PDB file of all heavy atoms in Angstrom:
ATOM      1  N   LEU A   1       0.837  -1.207   0.000  1.00  0.00           N
ATOM      2  CA  LEU A   1       0.000   0.000   0.000  1.00  0.00           C
ATOM      3  C   LEU A   1       0.868   1.252   0.000  1.00  0.00           C
ATOM      4  O   LEU A   1       0.581   2.224  -0.713  1.00  0.00           O
ATOM      5  CB  LEU A   1      -0.931  -0.022   1.223  1.00  0.00           C
ATOM      6  CG  LEU A   1      -1.962   1.095   1.319  1.00  0.00           C
ATOM      7  CD1 LEU A   1      -2.905   1.041   0.131  1.00  0.00           C
ATOM      8  CD2 LEU A   1      -2.732   0.981   2.614  1.00  0.00           C
ATOM      9  N   MET A   2       1.945   1.266   0.750  1.00  0.00           N
ATOM     10  CA  MET A   2       2.864   2.407   0.780  1.00  0.00           C
ATOM     11  C   MET A   2       3.543   2.576  -0.589  1.00  0.00           C
ATOM     12  O   MET A   2       3.727   3.707  -1.046  1.00  0.00           O
ATOM     13  CB  MET A   2       3.923   2.216   1.863  1.00  0.00           C
ATOM     14  CG  MET A   2       3.375   2.088   3.253  1.00  0.00           C
ATOM     15  SD  MET A   2       3.307   3.606   4.148  1.00  0.00           S
ATOM     16  CE  MET A   2       4.985   3.966   4.415  1.00  0.00           C
ATOM     17  N   LEU A   3       3.880   1.485  -1.225  1.00  0.00           N
ATOM     18  CA  LEU A   3       4.499   1.546  -2.539  1.00  0.00           C
ATOM     19  C   LEU A   3       3.515   2.119  -3.571  1.00  0.00           C
ATOM     20  O   LEU A   3       3.879   2.981  -4.377  1.00  0.00           O
ATOM     21  CB  LEU A   3       4.967   0.146  -2.968  1.00  0.00           C
ATOM     22  CG  LEU A   3       5.617   0.053  -4.352  1.00  0.00           C
ATOM     23  CD1 LEU A   3       6.926   0.835  -4.355  1.00  0.00           C
ATOM     24  CD2 LEU A   3       5.848  -1.394  -4.732  1.00  0.00           C
ATOM     25  N   VAL A   4       2.271   1.688  -3.553  1.00  0.00           N
ATOM     26  CA  VAL A   4       1.263   2.195  -4.484  1.00  0.00           C
ATOM     27  C   VAL A   4       1.038   3.695  -4.237  1.00  0.00           C
ATOM     28  O   VAL A   4       0.953   4.492  -5.181  1.00  0.00           O
ATOM     29  CB  VAL A   4      -0.059   1.395  -4.353  1.00  0.00           C
ATOM     30  CG1 VAL A   4      -1.193   2.073  -5.101  1.00  0.00           C
ATOM     31  CG2 VAL A   4       0.129  -0.031  -4.852  1.00  0.00           C
ATOM     32  N   ALA A   5       0.948   4.118  -2.983  1.00  0.00           N
ATOM     33  CA  ALA A   5       0.752   5.537  -2.671  1.00  0.00           C
ATOM     34  C   ALA A   5       1.943   6.358  -3.150  1.00  0.00           C
ATOM     35  O   ALA A   5       1.778   7.467  -3.683  1.00  0.00           O
ATOM     36  CB  ALA A   5       0.544   5.717  -1.165  1.00  0.00           C
ATOM     37  N   SER A   6       3.148   5.861  -3.001  1.00  0.00           N
ATOM     38  CA  SER A   6       4.339   6.575  -3.472  1.00  0.00           C
ATOM     39  C   SER A   6       4.343   6.704  -4.993  1.00  0.00           C
ATOM     40  O   SER A   6       4.712   7.748  -5.536  1.00  0.00           O
ATOM     41  CB  SER A   6       5.607   5.848  -3.016  1.00  0.00           C
ATOM     42  OG  SER A   6       5.695   5.854  -1.626  1.00  0.00           O
ATOM     43  N   VAL A   7       3.947   5.657  -5.682  1.00  0.00           N
ATOM     44  CA  VAL A   7       3.898   5.695  -7.143  1.00  0.00           C
ATOM     45  C   VAL A   7       2.846   6.724  -7.599  1.00  0.00           C
ATOM     46  O   VAL A   7       3.096   7.514  -8.515  1.00  0.00           O
ATOM     47  CB  VAL A   7       3.604   4.291  -7.720  1.00  0.00           C
ATOM     48  CG1 VAL A   7       3.260   4.361  -9.202  1.00  0.00           C
ATOM     49  CG2 VAL A   7       4.800   3.372  -7.505  1.00  0.00           C
ATOM     50  N   VAL A   8       1.691   6.758  -6.951  1.00  0.00           N
ATOM     51  CA  VAL A   8       0.643   7.713  -7.316  1.00  0.00           C
ATOM     52  C   VAL A   8       1.127   9.138  -7.062  1.00  0.00           C
ATOM     53  O   VAL A   8       0.928  10.036  -7.890  1.00  0.00           O
ATOM     54  CB  VAL A   8      -0.668   7.415  -6.546  1.00  0.00           C
ATOM     55  CG1 VAL A   8      -1.673   8.544  -6.692  1.00  0.00           C
ATOM     56  CG2 VAL A   8      -1.273   6.101  -7.031  1.00  0.00           C
ATOM     57  N   GLN A   9       1.787   9.376  -5.943  1.00  0.00           N
ATOM     58  CA  GLN A   9       2.333  10.712  -5.667  1.00  0.00           C
ATOM     59  C   GLN A   9       3.389  11.107  -6.691  1.00  0.00           C
ATOM     60  O   GLN A   9       3.439  12.245  -7.157  1.00  0.00           O
ATOM     61  CB  GLN A   9       2.942  10.762  -4.258  1.00  0.00           C
ATOM     62  CG  GLN A   9       1.917  10.860  -3.163  1.00  0.00           C
ATOM     63  CD  GLN A   9       2.573  10.917  -1.794  1.00  0.00           C
ATOM     64  OE1 GLN A   9       3.729  10.522  -1.627  1.00  0.00           O
ATOM     65  NE2 GLN A   9       1.814  11.383  -0.814  1.00  0.00           N
ATOM     66  N   GLY A  10       4.234  10.165  -7.052  1.00  0.00           N
ATOM     67  CA  GLY A  10       5.272  10.435  -8.052  1.00  0.00           C
ATOM     68  C   GLY A  10       4.660  10.767  -9.406  1.00  0.00           C
ATOM     69  O   GLY A  10       5.104  11.696 -10.095  1.00  0.00           O
ATOM     70  N   LEU A  11       3.620  10.043  -9.810  1.00  0.00           N
ATOM     71  CA  LEU A  11       2.942  10.345 -11.079  1.00  0.00           C
ATOM     72  C   LEU A  11       2.264  11.722 -11.024  1.00  0.00           C
ATOM     73  O   LEU A  11       2.292  12.469 -12.002  1.00  0.00           O
ATOM     74  CB  LEU A  11       1.912   9.262 -11.399  1.00  0.00           C
ATOM     75  CG  LEU A  11       2.479   7.920 -11.893  1.00  0.00           C
ATOM     76  CD1 LEU A  11       1.361   6.897 -12.045  1.00  0.00           C
ATOM     77  CD2 LEU A  11       3.220   8.102 -13.194  1.00  0.00           C
ATOM     78  N   GLY A  12       1.659  12.058  -9.896  1.00  0.00           N
ATOM     79  CA  GLY A  12       1.052  13.382  -9.746  1.00  0.00           C
ATOM     80  C   GLY A  12       2.082  14.486  -9.870  1.00  0.00           C
ATOM     81  O   GLY A  12       1.851  15.497 -10.554  1.00  0.00           O
ATOM     82  N   LEU A  13       3.233  14.291  -9.227  1.00  0.00           N
ATOM     83  CA  LEU A  13       4.311  15.279  -9.322  1.00  0.00           C
ATOM     84  C   LEU A  13       4.822  15.381 -10.754  1.00  0.00           C
ATOM     85  O   LEU A  13       5.052  16.483 -11.263  1.00  0.00           O
ATOM     86  CB  LEU A  13       5.446  14.898  -8.370  1.00  0.00           C
ATOM     87  CG  LEU A  13       6.647  15.830  -8.331  1.00  0.00           C
ATOM     88  CD1 LEU A  13       6.211  17.206  -7.839  1.00  0.00           C
ATOM     89  CD2 LEU A  13       7.734  15.270  -7.433  1.00  0.00           C
ATOM     90  N   LEU A  14       4.970  14.258 -11.426  1.00  0.00           N
ATOM     91  CA  LEU A  14       5.411  14.261 -12.820  1.00  0.00           C
ATOM     92  C   LEU A  14       4.411  14.999 -13.715  1.00  0.00           C
ATOM     93  O   LEU A  14       4.810  15.810 -14.566  1.00  0.00           O
ATOM     94  CB  LEU A  14       5.617  12.824 -13.310  1.00  0.00           C
ATOM     95  CG  LEU A  14       6.097  12.672 -14.747  1.00  0.00           C
ATOM     96  CD1 LEU A  14       7.507  13.240 -14.891  1.00  0.00           C
ATOM     97  CD2 LEU A  14       6.049  11.219 -15.168  1.00  0.00           C
ATOM     98  N   LEU A  15       3.127  14.771 -13.528  1.00  0.00           N
ATOM     99  CA  LEU A  15       2.108  15.464 -14.315  1.00  0.00           C
ATOM    100  C   LEU A  15       2.137  16.969 -14.052  1.00  0.00           C
ATOM    101  O   LEU A  15       1.983  17.767 -14.979  1.00  0.00           O
ATOM    102  CB  LEU A  15       0.726  14.899 -14.020  1.00  0.00           C
ATOM    103  CG  LEU A  15       0.441  13.510 -14.608  1.00  0.00           C
ATOM    104  CD1 LEU A  15      -0.911  13.001 -14.130  1.00  0.00           C
ATOM    105  CD2 LEU A  15       0.485  13.549 -16.115  1.00  0.00           C
ATOM    106  N   CYS A  16       2.330  17.374 -12.810  1.00  0.00           N
ATOM    107  CA  CYS A  16       2.435  18.809 -12.496  1.00  0.00           C
ATOM    108  C   CYS A  16       3.634  19.427 -13.198  1.00  0.00           C
ATOM    109  O   CYS A  16       3.537  20.525 -13.760  1.00  0.00           O
ATOM    110  CB  CYS A  16       2.537  19.020 -10.988  1.00  0.00           C
ATOM    111  SG  CYS A  16       0.988  18.753 -10.117  1.00  0.00           S
ATOM    112  N   LEU A  17       4.767  18.757 -13.165  1.00  0.00           N
ATOM    113  CA  LEU A  17       5.965  19.278 -13.825  1.00  0.00           C
ATOM    114  C   LEU A  17       5.760  19.377 -15.343  1.00  0.00           C
ATOM    115  O   LEU A  17       6.183  20.359 -15.967  1.00  0.00           O
ATOM    116  CB  LEU A  17       7.172  18.406 -13.497  1.00  0.00           C
ATOM    117  CG  LEU A  17       7.692  18.516 -12.061  1.00  0.00           C
ATOM    118  CD1 LEU A  17       8.784  17.489 -11.810  1.00  0.00           C
ATOM    119  CD2 LEU A  17       8.195  19.918 -11.788  1.00  0.00           C
ATOM    120  N   ILE A  18       5.121  18.374 -15.935  1.00  0.00           N
ATOM    121  CA  ILE A  18       4.850  18.413 -17.377  1.00  0.00           C
ATOM    122  C   ILE A  18       3.931  19.594 -17.704  1.00  0.00           C
ATOM    123  O   ILE A  18       4.170  20.330 -18.661  1.00  0.00           O
ATOM    124  CB  ILE A  18       4.238  17.077 -17.856  1.00  0.00           C
ATOM    125  CG1 ILE A  18       5.301  15.979 -17.819  1.00  0.00           C
ATOM    126  CG2 ILE A  18       3.653  17.210 -19.257  1.00  0.00           C
ATOM    127  CD1 ILE A  18       4.749  14.583 -18.075  1.00  0.00           C
ATOM    128  N   TYR A  19       2.900  19.802 -16.903  1.00  0.00           N
ATOM    129  CA  TYR A  19       1.981  20.921 -17.129  1.00  0.00           C
ATOM    130  C   TYR A  19       2.713  22.258 -17.040  1.00  0.00           C
ATOM    131  O   TYR A  19       2.527  23.133 -17.891  1.00  0.00           O
ATOM    132  CB  TYR A  19       0.832  20.869 -16.121  1.00  0.00           C
ATOM    133  CG  TYR A  19      -0.088  22.054 -16.226  1.00  0.00           C
ATOM    134  CD1 TYR A  19      -1.036  22.128 -17.238  1.00  0.00           C
ATOM    135  CD2 TYR A  19       0.006  23.110 -15.329  1.00  0.00           C
ATOM    136  CE1 TYR A  19      -1.872  23.217 -17.355  1.00  0.00           C
ATOM    137  CE2 TYR A  19      -0.828  24.210 -15.438  1.00  0.00           C
ATOM    138  CZ  TYR A  19      -1.765  24.257 -16.447  1.00  0.00           C
ATOM    139  OH  TYR A  19      -2.578  25.347 -16.558  1.00  0.00           O
ATOM    140  N   ILE A  20       3.544  22.424 -16.041  1.00  0.00           N
ATOM    141  CA  ILE A  20       4.292  23.680 -15.871  1.00  0.00           C
ATOM    142  C   ILE A  20       5.232  23.902 -17.051  1.00  0.00           C
ATOM    143  O   ILE A  20       5.302  25.007 -17.598  1.00  0.00           O
ATOM    144  CB  ILE A  20       5.050  23.677 -14.529  1.00  0.00           C
ATOM    145  CG1 ILE A  20       4.052  23.784 -13.366  1.00  0.00           C
ATOM    146  CG2 ILE A  20       6.070  24.808 -14.463  1.00  0.00           C
ATOM    147  CD1 ILE A  20       4.661  23.565 -12.009  1.00  0.00           C
ATOM    148  N   CYS A  21       5.929  22.864 -17.468  1.00  0.00           N
ATOM    149  CA  CYS A  21       6.856  23.000 -18.608  1.00  0.00           C
ATOM    150  C   CYS A  21       6.099  23.342 -19.888  1.00  0.00           C
ATOM    151  O   CYS A  21       6.537  24.205 -20.664  1.00  0.00           O
ATOM    152  CB  CYS A  21       7.657  21.725 -18.801  1.00  0.00           C
ATOM    153  SG  CYS A  21       8.875  21.442 -17.493  1.00  0.00           S
ATOM    154  N   LEU A  22       4.985  22.692 -20.139  1.00  0.00           N
ATOM    155  CA  LEU A  22       4.204  22.992 -21.345  1.00  0.00           C
ATOM    156  C   LEU A  22       3.640  24.410 -21.296  1.00  0.00           C
ATOM    157  O   LEU A  22       3.562  25.088 -22.315  1.00  0.00           O
ATOM    158  CB  LEU A  22       3.069  21.983 -21.509  1.00  0.00           C
ATOM    159  CG  LEU A  22       3.484  20.581 -21.946  1.00  0.00           C
ATOM    160  CD1 LEU A  22       2.267  19.661 -21.981  1.00  0.00           C
ATOM    161  CD2 LEU A  22       4.174  20.608 -23.294  1.00  0.00           C
ATOM    162  N   HIS A  23       3.263  24.851 -20.124  1.00  0.00           N
ATOM    163  CA  HIS A  23       2.714  26.200 -19.992  1.00  0.00           C
ATOM    164  C   HIS A  23       3.777  27.254 -20.317  1.00  0.00           C
ATOM    165  O   HIS A  23       3.502  28.232 -20.990  1.00  0.00           O
ATOM    166  CB  HIS A  23       2.171  26.411 -18.577  1.00  0.00           C
ATOM    167  CG  HIS A  23       1.644  27.779 -18.335  1.00  0.00           C
ATOM    168  ND1 HIS A  23       0.461  28.213 -18.876  1.00  0.00           N
ATOM    169  CD2 HIS A  23       2.154  28.823 -17.636  1.00  0.00           C
ATOM    170  CE1 HIS A  23       0.254  29.466 -18.517  1.00  0.00           C
ATOM    171  NE2 HIS A  23       1.262  29.856 -17.764  1.00  0.00           N
ATOM    172  N   PHE A  24       4.997  27.060 -19.845  1.00  0.00           N
ATOM    173  CA  PHE A  24       6.041  28.052 -20.085  1.00  0.00           C
ATOM    174  C   PHE A  24       6.604  27.978 -21.503  1.00  0.00           C
ATOM    175  O   PHE A  24       7.099  28.967 -22.023  1.00  0.00           O
ATOM    176  CB  PHE A  24       7.174  27.905 -19.064  1.00  0.00           C
ATOM    177  CG  PHE A  24       6.823  28.470 -17.736  1.00  0.00           C
ATOM    178  CD1 PHE A  24       6.770  27.664 -16.614  1.00  0.00           C
ATOM    179  CD2 PHE A  24       6.514  29.820 -17.585  1.00  0.00           C
ATOM    180  CE1 PHE A  24       6.436  28.185 -15.389  1.00  0.00           C
ATOM    181  CE2 PHE A  24       6.177  30.345 -16.364  1.00  0.00           C
ATOM    182  CZ  PHE A  24       6.135  29.529 -15.252  1.00  0.00           C
ATOM    183  N   HIS A  25       6.530  26.818 -22.132  1.00  0.00           N
ATOM    184  CA  HIS A  25       7.074  26.684 -23.475  1.00  0.00           C
ATOM    185  C   HIS A  25       6.015  26.870 -24.567  1.00  0.00           C
ATOM    186  O   HIS A  25       6.345  26.863 -25.740  1.00  0.00           O
ATOM    187  CB  HIS A  25       7.764  25.331 -23.649  1.00  0.00           C
ATOM    188  CG  HIS A  25       9.025  25.231 -22.854  1.00  0.00           C
ATOM    189  ND1 HIS A  25      10.110  26.040 -23.082  1.00  0.00           N
ATOM    190  CD2 HIS A  25       9.359  24.439 -21.807  1.00  0.00           C
ATOM    191  CE1 HIS A  25      11.063  25.741 -22.224  1.00  0.00           C
ATOM    192  NE2 HIS A  25      10.637  24.770 -21.431  1.00  0.00           N
ATOM    193  N   ALA A  26       4.757  27.035 -24.192  1.00  0.00           N
ATOM    194  CA  ALA A  26       3.699  27.264 -25.182  1.00  0.00           C
ATOM    195  C   ALA A  26       3.872  28.666 -25.760  1.00  0.00           C
ATOM    196  O   ALA A  26       4.293  29.585 -25.075  1.00  0.00           O
ATOM    197  CB  ALA A  26       2.329  27.123 -24.537  1.00  0.00           C
ATOM    198  N   PRO A  27       3.559  28.841 -27.036  1.00  0.00           N
ATOM    199  CA  PRO A  27       3.668  30.182 -27.620  1.00  0.00           C
ATOM    200  C   PRO A  27       2.695  31.135 -26.932  1.00  0.00           C
ATOM    201  O   PRO A  27       1.525  30.810 -26.732  1.00  0.00           O
ATOM    202  CB  PRO A  27       3.305  29.976 -29.091  1.00  0.00           C
ATOM    203  CG  PRO A  27       2.570  28.684 -29.137  1.00  0.00           C
ATOM    204  CD  PRO A  27       3.071  27.860 -27.983  1.00  0.00           C
ATOM    205  N   GLN A  28       3.205  32.286 -26.553  1.00  0.00           N
ATOM    206  CA  GLN A  28       2.400  33.277 -25.861  1.00  0.00           C
ATOM    207  C   GLN A  28       1.689  34.147 -26.889  1.00  0.00           C
ATOM    208  O   GLN A  28       2.259  35.089 -27.417  1.00  0.00           O
ATOM    209  CB  GLN A  28       3.284  34.136 -24.943  1.00  0.00           C
ATOM    210  CG  GLN A  28       3.985  33.341 -23.858  1.00  0.00           C
ATOM    211  CD  GLN A  28       3.013  32.715 -22.870  1.00  0.00           C
ATOM    212  OE1 GLN A  28       1.968  33.264 -22.593  1.00  0.00           O
ATOM    213  NE2 GLN A  28       3.369  31.539 -22.372  1.00  0.00           N
ATOM    214  N   VAL A  29       0.447  33.824 -27.194  1.00  0.00           N
ATOM    215  CA  VAL A  29      -0.349  34.566 -28.156  1.00  0.00           C
ATOM    216  C   VAL A  29      -1.322  35.445 -27.382  1.00  0.00           C
ATOM    217  O   VAL A  29      -2.119  34.933 -26.597  1.00  0.00           O
ATOM    218  CB  VAL A  29      -1.128  33.612 -29.092  1.00  0.00           C
ATOM    219  CG1 VAL A  29      -1.996  34.381 -30.057  1.00  0.00           C
ATOM    220  CG2 VAL A  29      -0.165  32.699 -29.816  1.00  0.00           C
ATOM    221  N   PRO A  30      -1.240  36.746 -27.561  1.00  0.00           N
ATOM    222  CA  PRO A  30      -2.186  37.595 -26.847  1.00  0.00           C
ATOM    223  C   PRO A  30      -3.591  37.387 -27.390  1.00  0.00           C
ATOM    224  O   PRO A  30      -3.774  37.077 -28.569  1.00  0.00           O
ATOM    225  CB  PRO A  30      -1.691  39.019 -27.135  1.00  0.00           C
ATOM    226  CG  PRO A  30      -0.920  38.902 -28.393  1.00  0.00           C
ATOM    227  CD  PRO A  30      -0.338  37.508 -28.409  1.00  0.00           C
ATOM    228  N   PRO A  31      -4.605  37.536 -26.547  1.00  0.00           N
ATOM    229  CA  PRO A  31      -5.972  37.373 -27.038  1.00  0.00           C
ATOM    230  C   PRO A  31      -6.301  38.440 -28.078  1.00  0.00           C
ATOM    231  O   PRO A  31      -5.859  39.578 -27.971  1.00  0.00           O
ATOM    232  CB  PRO A  31      -6.837  37.546 -25.780  1.00  0.00           C
ATOM    233  CG  PRO A  31      -5.955  38.199 -24.781  1.00  0.00           C
ATOM    234  CD  PRO A  31      -4.543  37.891 -25.146  1.00  0.00           C
ATOM    235  N   GLN A  32      -7.044  38.043 -29.072  1.00  0.00           N
ATOM    236  CA  GLN A  32      -7.397  38.951 -30.157  1.00  0.00           C
ATOM    237  C   GLN A  32      -8.777  39.541 -29.901  1.00  0.00           C
ATOM    238  O   GLN A  32      -9.779  38.856 -30.032  1.00  0.00           O
ATOM    239  CB  GLN A  32      -7.389  38.213 -31.496  1.00  0.00           C
ATOM    240  CG  GLN A  32      -6.033  37.655 -31.871  1.00  0.00           C
ATOM    241  CD  GLN A  32      -5.031  38.758 -32.145  1.00  0.00           C
ATOM    242  OE1 GLN A  32      -5.370  39.776 -32.717  1.00  0.00           O
ATOM    243  NE2 GLN A  32      -3.804  38.569 -31.713  1.00  0.00           N
ATOM    244  N   TYR A  33      -8.805  40.783 -29.492  1.00  0.00           N
ATOM    245  CA  TYR A  33     -10.067  41.473 -29.283  1.00  0.00           C
ATOM    246  C   TYR A  33     -10.301  42.411 -30.462  1.00  0.00           C
ATOM    247  O   TYR A  33      -9.391  43.094 -30.909  1.00  0.00           O
ATOM    248  CB  TYR A  33     -10.039  42.294 -27.995  1.00  0.00           C
ATOM    249  CG  TYR A  33      -9.854  41.452 -26.758  1.00  0.00           C
ATOM    250  CD1 TYR A  33      -8.678  41.516 -26.022  1.00  0.00           C
ATOM    251  CD2 TYR A  33     -10.849  40.593 -26.334  1.00  0.00           C
ATOM    252  CE1 TYR A  33      -8.510  40.744 -24.889  1.00  0.00           C
ATOM    253  CE2 TYR A  33     -10.690  39.817 -25.215  1.00  0.00           C
ATOM    254  CZ  TYR A  33      -9.518  39.895 -24.484  1.00  0.00           C
ATOM    255  OH  TYR A  33      -9.358  39.127 -23.376  1.00  0.00           O
ATOM    256  N   PRO A  34     -11.509  42.462 -30.956  1.00  0.00           N
ATOM    257  CA  PRO A  34     -11.778  43.392 -32.057  1.00  0.00           C
ATOM    258  C   PRO A  34     -11.694  44.827 -31.546  1.00  0.00           C
ATOM    259  O   PRO A  34     -11.956  45.083 -30.373  1.00  0.00           O
ATOM    260  CB  PRO A  34     -13.202  43.046 -32.493  1.00  0.00           C
ATOM    261  CG  PRO A  34     -13.809  42.376 -31.312  1.00  0.00           C
ATOM    262  CD  PRO A  34     -12.691  41.701 -30.576  1.00  0.00           C
ATOM    263  N   PRO A  35     -11.329  45.750 -32.406  1.00  0.00           N
ATOM    264  CA  PRO A  35     -11.246  47.142 -31.958  1.00  0.00           C
ATOM    265  C   PRO A  35     -12.637  47.674 -31.623  1.00  0.00           C
ATOM    266  O   PRO A  35     -13.605  47.377 -32.319  1.00  0.00           O
ATOM    267  CB  PRO A  35     -10.655  47.882 -33.157  1.00  0.00           C
ATOM    268  CG  PRO A  35     -11.000  47.021 -34.328  1.00  0.00           C
ATOM    269  CD  PRO A  35     -11.009  45.604 -33.818  1.00  0.00           C
ATOM    270  N   ILE A  36     -12.707  48.424 -30.561  1.00  0.00           N
ATOM    271  CA  ILE A  36     -13.969  49.043 -30.177  1.00  0.00           C
ATOM    272  C   ILE A  36     -14.105  50.333 -30.961  1.00  0.00           C
ATOM    273  O   ILE A  36     -13.230  51.200 -30.907  1.00  0.00           O
ATOM    274  CB  ILE A  36     -14.014  49.304 -28.662  1.00  0.00           C
ATOM    275  CG1 ILE A  36     -14.009  47.972 -27.931  1.00  0.00           C
ATOM    276  CG2 ILE A  36     -15.239  50.128 -28.298  1.00  0.00           C
ATOM    277  CD1 ILE A  36     -13.966  48.091 -26.435  1.00  0.00           C
ATOM    278  N   ARG A  37     -15.156  50.453 -31.694  1.00  0.00           N
ATOM    279  CA  ARG A  37     -15.386  51.651 -32.503  1.00  0.00           C
ATOM    280  C   ARG A  37     -15.955  52.734 -31.602  1.00  0.00           C
ATOM    281  O   ARG A  37     -16.982  52.536 -30.956  1.00  0.00           O
ATOM    282  CB  ARG A  37     -16.340  51.347 -33.637  1.00  0.00           C
ATOM    283  CG  ARG A  37     -15.862  50.134 -34.423  1.00  0.00           C
ATOM    284  CD  ARG A  37     -16.055  50.323 -35.855  1.00  0.00           C
ATOM    285  NE  ARG A  37     -15.633  49.110 -36.527  1.00  0.00           N
ATOM    286  CZ  ARG A  37     -14.784  49.111 -37.524  1.00  0.00           C
ATOM    287  NH1 ARG A  37     -14.290  50.228 -37.959  1.00  0.00           N
ATOM    288  NH2 ARG A  37     -14.441  47.994 -38.093  1.00  0.00           N
ATOM    289  N   SER A  38     -15.270  53.867 -31.575  1.00  0.00           N
ATOM    290  CA  SER A  38     -15.718  54.961 -30.721  1.00  0.00           C
ATOM    291  C   SER A  38     -15.151  56.276 -31.224  1.00  0.00           C
ATOM    292  O   SER A  38     -14.212  56.298 -32.023  1.00  0.00           O
ATOM    293  CB  SER A  38     -15.259  54.727 -29.281  1.00  0.00           C
ATOM    294  OG  SER A  38     -13.849  54.756 -29.215  1.00  0.00           O
ATOM    295  N   ILE A  39     -15.749  57.347 -30.735  1.00  0.00           N
ATOM    296  CA  ILE A  39     -15.256  58.686 -31.046  1.00  0.00           C
ATOM    297  C   ILE A  39     -15.680  59.610 -29.915  1.00  0.00           C
ATOM    298  O   ILE A  39     -16.752  59.450 -29.335  1.00  0.00           O
ATOM    299  CB  ILE A  39     -15.771  59.197 -32.405  1.00  0.00           C
ATOM    300  CG1 ILE A  39     -15.060  60.493 -32.784  1.00  0.00           C
ATOM    301  CG2 ILE A  39     -17.272  59.366 -32.395  1.00  0.00           C
ATOM    302  CD1 ILE A  39     -15.272  60.914 -34.219  1.00  0.00           C
ATOM    303  N   GLY A  40     -14.807  60.539 -29.622  1.00  0.00           N
ATOM    304  CA  GLY A  40     -15.098  61.614 -28.682  1.00  0.00           C
ATOM    305  C   GLY A  40     -14.984  62.926 -29.431  1.00  0.00           C
ATOM    306  O   GLY A  40     -13.885  63.444 -29.599  1.00  0.00           O
ATOM    307  N   ALA A  41     -16.095  63.448 -29.912  1.00  0.00           N
ATOM    308  CA  ALA A  41     -16.086  64.687 -30.694  1.00  0.00           C
ATOM    309  C   ALA A  41     -16.394  65.870 -29.779  1.00  0.00           C
ATOM    310  O   ALA A  41     -17.173  65.758 -28.836  1.00  0.00           O
ATOM    311  CB  ALA A  41     -17.106  64.611 -31.812  1.00  0.00           C
TER     312      ALA A  41
END
C-alpha cells in the first residue's frame, strides 16, 4: 500500500511538472479582441 501511494504521488508530481513545462514553453499569443469603434467629438 505504501508503494502504491508513493507511485501515485510520483505520477502526480510528474504530471504537475509536465503541465508547468508545457505552460512556459507554449507560444504566448495575446488574445485577439476586435477594436472598439468609438469617437469623442
